[in-house]
Amino acid sequence: TVNICSQPLQIIRADEHCLQFLESRPAEYPWADPVSCAQKLKSLAEEPEMHEEAGIDPDRLKEIAASHGVDLIDHEVITLLRAFGQDTPS
């Protein structure tokens, strides 16, 4: 949430330029660092769904992570998808 002219605004989406800016500064924005985000998932390594060839649904990833005591924010999931996600055929 940011305040502009004393009006609180919640930012809910980032454009490509913003995501690239954040990813280029991993020390400042660890939630935009694919390595940092992936390291948070170490405790999920034994989960069979983490090894599915087709990948894992982002919401399911958050559920599994939460069940292991790992709190993933949406931006971390986006970072993981951008870095490691599979392209789906159009």
PDB file of N, CA and C in Angstrom:
ATOM      1  N   THR A   1       0.843  -1.178   0.000  1.00  0.00           N
ATOM      2  CA  THR A   1       0.000   0.000   0.000  1.00  0.00           C
ATOM      3  C   THR A   1       0.887   1.240   0.000  1.00  0.00           C
ATOM      4  N   VAL A   2       0.561   2.169  -0.852  1.00  0.00           N
ATOM      5  CA  VAL A   2       1.273   3.449  -0.911  1.00  0.00           C
ATOM      6  C   VAL A   2       0.262   4.568  -0.705  1.00  0.00           C
ATOM      7  N   ASN A   3       0.742   5.692  -0.200  1.00  0.00           N
ATOM      8  CA  ASN A   3      -0.117   6.861  -0.025  1.00  0.00           C
ATOM      9  C   ASN A   3       0.251   7.910  -1.062  1.00  0.00           C
ATOM     10  N   ILE A   4      -0.726   8.331  -1.823  1.00  0.00           N
ATOM     11  CA  ILE A   4      -0.554   9.406  -2.799  1.00  0.00           C
ATOM     12  C   ILE A   4      -1.591  10.462  -2.463  1.00  0.00           C
ATOM     13  N   CYS A   5      -1.102  11.665  -2.158  1.00  0.00           N
ATOM     14  CA  CYS A   5      -1.987  12.766  -1.747  1.00  0.00           C
ATOM     15  C   CYS A   5      -2.898  12.335  -0.592  1.00  0.00           C
ATOM     16  N   SER A   6      -2.312  11.655   0.377  1.00  0.00           N
ATOM     17  CA  SER A   6      -3.014  11.181   1.577  1.00  0.00           C
ATOM     18  C   SER A   6      -4.065  10.116   1.280  1.00  0.00           C
ATOM     19  N   GLN A   7      -4.044   9.567   0.094  1.00  0.00           N
ATOM     20  CA  GLN A   7      -4.993   8.520  -0.283  1.00  0.00           C
ATOM     21  C   GLN A   7      -4.257   7.187  -0.351  1.00  0.00           C
ATOM     22  N   PRO A   8      -4.589   6.216   0.512  1.00  0.00           N
ATOM     23  CA  PRO A   8      -3.917   4.917   0.440  1.00  0.00           C
ATOM     24  C   PRO A   8      -4.364   4.141  -0.803  1.00  0.00           C
ATOM     25  N   LEU A   9      -3.396   3.654  -1.539  1.00  0.00           N
ATOM     26  CA  LEU A   9      -3.672   2.851  -2.736  1.00  0.00           C
ATOM     27  C   LEU A   9      -2.925   1.534  -2.613  1.00  0.00           C
ATOM     28  N   GLN A  10      -3.617   0.452  -2.887  1.00  0.00           N
ATOM     29  CA  GLN A  10      -2.985  -0.850  -2.851  1.00  0.00           C
ATOM     30  C   GLN A  10      -2.586  -1.237  -4.274  1.00  0.00           C
ATOM     31  N   ILE A  11      -1.294  -1.523  -4.449  1.00  0.00           N
ATOM     32  CA  ILE A  11      -0.790  -1.948  -5.757  1.00  0.00           C
ATOM     33  C   ILE A  11      -1.026  -3.446  -5.873  1.00  0.00           C
ATOM     34  N   ILE A  12      -1.741  -3.842  -6.908  1.00  0.00           N
ATOM     35  CA  ILE A  12      -2.091  -5.257  -7.038  1.00  0.00           C
ATOM     36  C   ILE A  12      -1.451  -5.942  -8.250  1.00  0.00           C
ATOM     37  N   ARG A  13      -0.815  -5.176  -9.118  1.00  0.00           N
ATOM     38  CA  ARG A  13      -0.217  -5.779 -10.300  1.00  0.00           C
ATOM     39  C   ARG A  13       0.984  -4.957 -10.729  1.00  0.00           C
ATOM     40  N   ALA A  14       1.998  -5.655 -11.241  1.00  0.00           N
ATOM     41  CA  ALA A  14       3.199  -4.979 -11.723  1.00  0.00           C
ATOM     42  C   ALA A  14       3.343  -5.238 -13.222  1.00  0.00           C
ATOM     43  N   ASP A  15       3.830  -4.244 -13.946  1.00  0.00           N
ATOM     44  CA  ASP A  15       4.065  -4.449 -15.372  1.00  0.00           C
ATOM     45  C   ASP A  15       5.452  -5.068 -15.576  1.00  0.00           C
ATOM     46  N   GLU A  16       5.755  -5.422 -16.801  1.00  0.00           N
ATOM     47  CA  GLU A  16       7.011  -6.095 -17.129  1.00  0.00           C
ATOM     48  C   GLU A  16       8.220  -5.259 -16.717  1.00  0.00           C
ATOM     49  N   HIS A  17       8.173  -3.979 -16.968  1.00  0.00           N
ATOM     50  CA  HIS A  17       9.296  -3.102 -16.617  1.00  0.00           C
ATOM     51  C   HIS A  17       9.549  -3.128 -15.108  1.00  0.00           C
ATOM     52  N   CYS A  18       8.500  -3.055 -14.334  1.00  0.00           N
ATOM     53  CA  CYS A  18       8.619  -3.088 -12.880  1.00  0.00           C
ATOM     54  C   CYS A  18       9.221  -4.418 -12.419  1.00  0.00           C
ATOM     55  N   LEU A  19       8.726  -5.527 -12.950  1.00  0.00           N
ATOM     56  CA  LEU A  19       9.254  -6.839 -12.567  1.00  0.00           C
ATOM     57  C   LEU A  19      10.733  -6.970 -12.915  1.00  0.00           C
ATOM     58  N   GLN A  20      11.114  -6.496 -14.085  1.00  0.00           N
ATOM     59  CA  GLN A  20      12.526  -6.549 -14.475  1.00  0.00           C
ATOM     60  C   GLN A  20      13.383  -5.674 -13.563  1.00  0.00           C
ATOM     61  N   PHE A  21      12.878  -4.511 -13.185  1.00  0.00           N
ATOM     62  CA  PHE A  21      13.594  -3.622 -12.270  1.00  0.00           C
ATOM     63  C   PHE A  21      13.843  -4.327 -10.937  1.00  0.00           C
ATOM     64  N   LEU A  22      12.808  -4.923 -10.378  1.00  0.00           N
ATOM     65  CA  LEU A  22      12.937  -5.614  -9.093  1.00  0.00           C
ATOM     66  C   LEU A  22      13.886  -6.806  -9.204  1.00  0.00           C
ATOM     67  N   GLU A  23      13.770  -7.583 -10.283  1.00  0.00           N
ATOM     68  CA  GLU A  23      14.627  -8.752 -10.475  1.00  0.00           C
ATOM     69  C   GLU A  23      16.090  -8.370 -10.657  1.00  0.00           C
ATOM     70  N   SER A  24      16.350  -7.178 -11.142  1.00  0.00           N
ATOM     71  CA  SER A  24      17.731  -6.747 -11.353  1.00  0.00           C
ATOM     72  C   SER A  24      18.382  -6.271 -10.053  1.00  0.00           C
ATOM     73  N   ARG A  25      17.626  -6.219  -8.976  1.00  0.00           N
ATOM     74  CA  ARG A  25      18.121  -5.764  -7.672  1.00  0.00           C
ATOM     75  C   ARG A  25      17.755  -6.761  -6.581  1.00  0.00           C
ATOM     76  N   PRO A  26      18.255  -8.007  -6.672  1.00  0.00           N
ATOM     77  CA  PRO A  26      17.852  -9.043  -5.711  1.00  0.00           C
ATOM     78  C   PRO A  26      18.230  -8.746  -4.263  1.00  0.00           C
ATOM     79  N   ALA A  27      19.295  -7.995  -4.037  1.00  0.00           N
ATOM     80  CA  ALA A  27      19.673  -7.670  -2.656  1.00  0.00           C
ATOM     81  C   ALA A  27      18.638  -6.750  -1.998  1.00  0.00           C
ATOM     82  N   GLU A  28      18.036  -5.891  -2.793  1.00  0.00           N
ATOM     83  CA  GLU A  28      17.030  -4.964  -2.273  1.00  0.00           C
ATOM     84  C   GLU A  28      15.637  -5.591  -2.227  1.00  0.00           C
ATOM     85  N   TYR A  29      15.360  -6.502  -3.156  1.00  0.00           N
ATOM     86  CA  TYR A  29      14.026  -7.077  -3.299  1.00  0.00           C
ATOM     87  C   TYR A  29      14.133  -8.606  -3.346  1.00  0.00           C
ATOM     88  N   PRO A  30      14.342  -9.254  -2.194  1.00  0.00           N
ATOM     89  CA  PRO A  30      14.552 -10.707  -2.187  1.00  0.00           C
ATOM     90  C   PRO A  30      13.355 -11.507  -2.701  1.00  0.00           C
ATOM     91  N   TRP A  31      12.152 -10.938  -2.633  1.00  0.00           N
ATOM     92  CA  TRP A  31      10.983 -11.640  -3.165  1.00  0.00           C
ATOM     93  C   TRP A  31      10.998 -11.685  -4.689  1.00  0.00           C
ATOM     94  N   ALA A  32      11.894 -10.921  -5.324  1.00  0.00           N
ATOM     95  CA  ALA A  32      12.042 -10.930  -6.780  1.00  0.00           C
ATOM     96  C   ALA A  32      13.307 -11.678  -7.205  1.00  0.00           C
ATOM     97  N   ASP A  33      13.947 -12.353  -6.258  1.00  0.00           N
ATOM     98  CA  ASP A  33      15.167 -13.123  -6.533  1.00  0.00           C
ATOM     99  C   ASP A  33      14.805 -14.599  -6.655  1.00  0.00           C
ATOM    100  N   PRO A  34      14.913 -15.183  -7.856  1.00  0.00           N
ATOM    101  CA  PRO A  34      14.517 -16.581  -8.040  1.00  0.00           C
ATOM    102  C   PRO A  34      15.277 -17.544  -7.131  1.00  0.00           C
ATOM    103  N   VAL A  35      16.552 -17.287  -6.894  1.00  0.00           N
ATOM    104  CA  VAL A  35      17.342 -18.182  -6.045  1.00  0.00           C
ATOM    105  C   VAL A  35      16.836 -18.133  -4.607  1.00  0.00           C
ATOM    106  N   SER A  36      16.605 -16.935  -4.105  1.00  0.00           N
ATOM    107  CA  SER A  36      16.096 -16.780  -2.744  1.00  0.00           C
ATOM    108  C   SER A  36      14.726 -17.449  -2.594  1.00  0.00           C
ATOM    109  N   CYS A  37      13.866 -17.258  -3.573  1.00  0.00           N
ATOM    110  CA  CYS A  37      12.529 -17.862  -3.526  1.00  0.00           C
ATOM    111  C   CYS A  37      12.614 -19.381  -3.588  1.00  0.00           C
ATOM    112  N   ALA A  38      13.478 -19.894  -4.440  1.00  0.00           N
ATOM    113  CA  ALA A  38      13.629 -21.347  -4.573  1.00  0.00           C
ATOM    114  C   ALA A  38      14.186 -21.954  -3.289  1.00  0.00           C
ATOM    115  N   GLN A  39      15.094 -21.260  -2.630  1.00  0.00           N
ATOM    116  CA  GLN A  39      15.663 -21.775  -1.389  1.00  0.00           C
ATOM    117  C   GLN A  39      14.606 -21.922  -0.303  1.00  0.00           C
ATOM    118  N   LYS A  40      13.590 -21.097  -0.344  1.00  0.00           N
ATOM    119  CA  LYS A  40      12.511 -21.211   0.634  1.00  0.00           C
ATOM    120  C   LYS A  40      11.752 -22.531   0.478  1.00  0.00           C
ATOM    121  N   LEU A  41      11.874 -23.155  -0.699  1.00  0.00           N
ATOM    122  CA  LEU A  41      11.113 -24.373  -0.986  1.00  0.00           C
ATOM    123  C   LEU A  41      11.889 -25.649  -0.684  1.00  0.00           C
ATOM    124  N   LYS A  42      13.078 -25.552  -0.104  1.00  0.00           N
ATOM    125  CA  LYS A  42      13.895 -26.740   0.172  1.00  0.00           C
ATOM    126  C   LYS A  42      13.135 -27.803   0.952  1.00  0.00           C
ATOM    127  N   SER A  43      12.354 -27.377   1.922  1.00  0.00           N
ATOM    128  CA  SER A  43      11.635 -28.348   2.755  1.00  0.00           C
ATOM    129  C   SER A  43      10.533 -29.085   1.998  1.00  0.00           C
ATOM    130  N   LEU A  44      10.227 -28.640   0.789  1.00  0.00           N
ATOM    131  CA  LEU A  44       9.194 -29.290  -0.020  1.00  0.00           C
ATOM    132  C   LEU A  44       9.769 -30.310  -0.990  1.00  0.00           C
ATOM    133  N   ALA A  45      11.064 -30.527  -0.951  1.00  0.00           N
ATOM    134  CA  ALA A  45      11.742 -31.374  -1.935  1.00  0.00           C
ATOM    135  C   ALA A  45      11.202 -32.801  -1.990  1.00  0.00           C
ATOM    136  N   GLU A  46      10.719 -33.309  -0.885  1.00  0.00           N
ATOM    137  CA  GLU A  46      10.220 -34.695  -0.850  1.00  0.00           C
ATOM    138  C   GLU A  46       8.761 -34.825  -1.269  1.00  0.00           C
ATOM    139  N   GLU A  47       8.109 -33.715  -1.494  1.00  0.00           N
ATOM    140  CA  GLU A  47       6.707 -33.747  -1.915  1.00  0.00           C
ATOM    141  C   GLU A  47       6.615 -34.248  -3.359  1.00  0.00           C
ATOM    142  N   PRO A  48       5.862 -35.326  -3.607  1.00  0.00           N
ATOM    143  CA  PRO A  48       5.750 -35.868  -4.969  1.00  0.00           C
ATOM    144  C   PRO A  48       5.260 -34.843  -6.002  1.00  0.00           C
ATOM    145  N   GLU A  49       4.348 -33.968  -5.604  1.00  0.00           N
ATOM    146  CA  GLU A  49       3.811 -32.986  -6.549  1.00  0.00           C
ATOM    147  C   GLU A  49       4.879 -32.014  -7.047  1.00  0.00           C
ATOM    148  N   MET A  50       5.942 -31.862  -6.285  1.00  0.00           N
ATOM    149  CA  MET A  50       7.013 -30.954  -6.685  1.00  0.00           C
ATOM    150  C   MET A  50       7.848 -31.533  -7.828  1.00  0.00           C
ATOM    151  N   HIS A  51       7.630 -32.815  -8.132  1.00  0.00           N
ATOM    152  CA  HIS A  51       8.416 -33.476  -9.170  1.00  0.00           C
ATOM    153  C   HIS A  51       7.582 -33.831 -10.399  1.00  0.00           C
ATOM    154  N   GLU A  52       6.357 -33.344 -10.440  1.00  0.00           N
ATOM    155  CA  GLU A  52       5.498 -33.607 -11.592  1.00  0.00           C
ATOM    156  C   GLU A  52       6.094 -32.962 -12.841  1.00  0.00           C
ATOM    157  N   GLU A  53       6.140 -33.705 -13.918  1.00  0.00           N
ATOM    158  CA  GLU A  53       6.691 -33.185 -15.174  1.00  0.00           C
ATOM    159  C   GLU A  53       5.909 -31.976 -15.684  1.00  0.00           C
ATOM    160  N   ALA A  54       4.614 -31.983 -15.443  1.00  0.00           N
ATOM    161  CA  ALA A  54       3.766 -30.886 -15.917  1.00  0.00           C
ATOM    162  C   ALA A  54       3.869 -29.648 -15.034  1.00  0.00           C
ATOM    163  N   GLY A  55       4.574 -29.757 -13.922  1.00  0.00           N
ATOM    164  CA  GLY A  55       4.689 -28.627 -13.006  1.00  0.00           C
ATOM    165  C   GLY A  55       3.615 -28.685 -11.943  1.00  0.00           C
ATOM    166  N   ILE A  56       3.464 -27.603 -11.221  1.00  0.00           N
ATOM    167  CA  ILE A  56       2.488 -27.544 -10.134  1.00  0.00           C
ATOM    168  C   ILE A  56       1.712 -26.233 -10.239  1.00  0.00           C
ATOM    169  N   ASP A  57       0.456 -26.311  -9.934  1.00  0.00           N
ATOM    170  CA  ASP A  57      -0.401 -25.123  -9.947  1.00  0.00           C
ATOM    171  C   ASP A  57       0.089 -24.155  -8.867  1.00  0.00           C
ATOM    172  N   PRO A  58       0.167 -22.865  -9.174  1.00  0.00           N
ATOM    173  CA  PRO A  58       0.662 -21.901  -8.190  1.00  0.00           C
ATOM    174  C   PRO A  58      -0.106 -21.903  -6.864  1.00  0.00           C
ATOM    175  N   ASP A  59      -1.426 -22.032  -6.926  1.00  0.00           N
ATOM    176  CA  ASP A  59      -2.203 -22.069  -5.683  1.00  0.00           C
ATOM    177  C   ASP A  59      -1.892 -23.322  -4.878  1.00  0.00           C
ATOM    178  N   ARG A  60      -1.687 -24.427  -5.573  1.00  0.00           N
ATOM    179  CA  ARG A  60      -1.331 -25.679  -4.878  1.00  0.00           C
ATOM    180  C   ARG A  60       0.057 -25.554  -4.256  1.00  0.00           C
ATOM    181  N   LEU A  61       0.972 -24.898  -4.948  1.00  0.00           N
ATOM    182  CA  LEU A  61       2.306 -24.672  -4.399  1.00  0.00           C
ATOM    183  C   LEU A  61       2.210 -23.901  -3.087  1.00  0.00           C
ATOM    184  N   LYS A  62       1.399 -22.866  -3.069  1.00  0.00           N
ATOM    185  CA  LYS A  62       1.228 -22.085  -1.840  1.00  0.00           C
ATOM    186  C   LYS A  62       0.625 -22.930  -0.722  1.00  0.00           C
ATOM    187  N   GLU A  63      -0.307 -23.824  -1.063  1.00  0.00           N
ATOM    188  CA  GLU A  63      -0.915 -24.705  -0.058  1.00  0.00           C
ATOM    189  C   GLU A  63       0.119 -25.655   0.533  1.00  0.00           C
ATOM    190  N   ILE A  64       0.893 -26.287  -0.336  1.00  0.00           N
ATOM    191  CA  ILE A  64       1.915 -27.226   0.137  1.00  0.00           C
ATOM    192  C   ILE A  64       2.952 -26.491   0.970  1.00  0.00           C
ATOM    193  N   ALA A  65       3.373 -25.334   0.506  1.00  0.00           N
ATOM    194  CA  ALA A  65       4.353 -24.551   1.257  1.00  0.00           C
ATOM    195  C   ALA A  65       3.804 -24.206   2.639  1.00  0.00           C
ATOM    196  N   ALA A  66       2.564 -23.748   2.711  1.00  0.00           N
ATOM    197  CA  ALA A  66       1.957 -23.389   3.994  1.00  0.00           C
ATOM    198  C   ALA A  66       1.899 -24.594   4.925  1.00  0.00           C
ATOM    199  N   SER A  67       1.619 -25.770   4.368  1.00  0.00           N
ATOM    200  CA  SER A  67       1.556 -26.975   5.210  1.00  0.00           C
ATOM    201  C   SER A  67       2.929 -27.353   5.770  1.00  0.00           C
ATOM    202  N   HIS A  68       3.988 -26.818   5.179  1.00  0.00           N
ATOM    203  CA  HIS A  68       5.351 -27.039   5.672  1.00  0.00           C
ATOM    204  C   HIS A  68       5.874 -25.821   6.449  1.00  0.00           C
ATOM    205  N   GLY A  69       4.990 -24.886   6.739  1.00  0.00           N
ATOM    206  CA  GLY A  69       5.379 -23.707   7.505  1.00  0.00           C
ATOM    207  C   GLY A  69       6.136 -22.660   6.707  1.00  0.00           C
ATOM    208  N   VAL A  70       6.013 -22.733   5.371  1.00  0.00           N
ATOM    209  CA  VAL A  70       6.687 -21.769   4.497  1.00  0.00           C
ATOM    210  C   VAL A  70       5.640 -20.789   3.976  1.00  0.00           C
ATOM    211  N   ASP A  71       5.828 -19.522   4.295  1.00  0.00           N
ATOM    212  CA  ASP A  71       4.897 -18.491   3.841  1.00  0.00           C
ATOM    213  C   ASP A  71       5.415 -17.909   2.530  1.00  0.00           C
ATOM    214  N   LEU A  72       4.687 -18.139   1.454  1.00  0.00           N
ATOM    215  CA  LEU A  72       5.030 -17.577   0.152  1.00  0.00           C
ATOM    216  C   LEU A  72       4.066 -16.447  -0.170  1.00  0.00           C
ATOM    217  N   ILE A  73       4.611 -15.299  -0.514  1.00  0.00           N
ATOM    218  CA  ILE A  73       3.740 -14.222  -0.966  1.00  0.00           C
ATOM    219  C   ILE A  73       3.546 -14.366  -2.476  1.00  0.00           C
ATOM    220  N   ASP A  74       2.517 -13.731  -2.983  1.00  0.00           N
ATOM    221  CA  ASP A  74       2.205 -13.857  -4.409  1.00  0.00           C
ATOM    222  C   ASP A  74       3.377 -13.444  -5.300  1.00  0.00           C
ATOM    223  N   HIS A  75       4.100 -12.404  -4.892  1.00  0.00           N
ATOM    224  CA  HIS A  75       5.219 -11.955  -5.721  1.00  0.00           C
ATOM    225  C   HIS A  75       6.296 -13.029  -5.819  1.00  0.00           C
ATOM    226  N   GLU A  76       6.519 -13.778  -4.755  1.00  0.00           N
ATOM    227  CA  GLU A  76       7.497 -14.872  -4.813  1.00  0.00           C
ATOM    228  C   GLU A  76       7.057 -15.964  -5.787  1.00  0.00           C
ATOM    229  N   VAL A  77       5.775 -16.253  -5.796  1.00  0.00           N
ATOM    230  CA  VAL A  77       5.250 -17.245  -6.734  1.00  0.00           C
ATOM    231  C   VAL A  77       5.424 -16.742  -8.167  1.00  0.00           C
ATOM    232  N   ILE A  78       5.148 -15.474  -8.398  1.00  0.00           N
ATOM    233  CA  ILE A  78       5.345 -14.893  -9.731  1.00  0.00           C
ATOM    234  C   ILE A  78       6.815 -14.987 -10.137  1.00  0.00           C
ATOM    235  N   THR A  79       7.701 -14.692  -9.204  1.00  0.00           N
ATOM    236  CA  THR A  79       9.135 -14.782  -9.477  1.00  0.00           C
ATOM    237  C   THR A  79       9.521 -16.205  -9.868  1.00  0.00           C
ATOM    238  N   LEU A  80       9.009 -17.186  -9.139  1.00  0.00           N
ATOM    239  CA  LEU A  80       9.313 -18.587  -9.455  1.00  0.00           C
ATOM    240  C   LEU A  80       8.766 -18.971 -10.831  1.00  0.00           C
ATOM    241  N   LEU A  81       7.560 -18.539 -11.127  1.00  0.00           N
ATOM    242  CA  LEU A  81       6.968 -18.834 -12.438  1.00  0.00           C
ATOM    243  C   LEU A  81       7.788 -18.209 -13.567  1.00  0.00           C
ATOM    244  N   ARG A  82       8.207 -16.983 -13.376  1.00  0.00           N
ATOM    245  CA  ARG A  82       8.982 -16.292 -14.417  1.00  0.00           C
ATOM    246  C   ARG A  82      10.335 -16.968 -14.643  1.00  0.00           C
ATOM    247  N   ALA A  83      10.939 -17.450 -13.565  1.00  0.00           N
ATOM    248  CA  ALA A  83      12.279 -18.029 -13.671  1.00  0.00           C
ATOM    249  C   ALA A  83      12.256 -19.508 -14.053  1.00  0.00           C
ATOM    250  N   PHE A  84      11.303 -20.247 -13.520  1.00  0.00           N
ATOM    251  CA  PHE A  84      11.336 -21.702 -13.664  1.00  0.00           C
ATOM    252  C   PHE A  84      10.083 -22.308 -14.281  1.00  0.00           C
ATOM    253  N   GLY A  85       9.081 -21.482 -14.558  1.00  0.00           N
ATOM    254  CA  GLY A  85       7.823 -22.005 -15.100  1.00  0.00           C
ATOM    255  C   GLY A  85       7.995 -22.531 -16.503  1.00  0.00           C
ATOM    256  N   GLN A  86       7.121 -23.443 -16.846  1.00  0.00           N
ATOM    257  CA  GLN A  86       7.138 -24.002 -18.188  1.00  0.00           C
ATOM    258  C   GLN A  86       6.206 -23.209 -19.069  1.00  0.00           C
ATOM    259  N   ASP A  87       6.631 -22.950 -20.287  1.00  0.00           N
ATOM    260  CA  ASP A  87       5.751 -22.295 -21.248  1.00  0.00           C
ATOM    261  C   ASP A  87       4.668 -23.283 -21.654  1.00  0.00           C
ATOM    262  N   THR A  88       3.444 -22.809 -21.692  1.00  0.00           N
ATOM    263  CA  THR A  88       2.351 -23.658 -22.138  1.00  0.00           C
ATOM    264  C   THR A  88       2.106 -23.409 -23.613  1.00  0.00           C
ATOM    265  N   PRO A  89       1.859 -24.468 -24.389  1.00  0.00           N
ATOM    266  CA  PRO A  89       1.606 -24.272 -25.813  1.00  0.00           C
ATOM    267  C   PRO A  89       0.330 -23.467 -26.036  1.00  0.00           C
ATOM    268  N   SER A  90       0.366 -22.562 -27.027  1.00  0.00           N
ATOM    269  CA  SER A  90      -0.825 -21.751 -27.301  1.00  0.00           C
ATOM    270  C   SER A  90      -1.776 -22.467 -28.198  1.00  0.00           C
TER     271      SER A  90
END
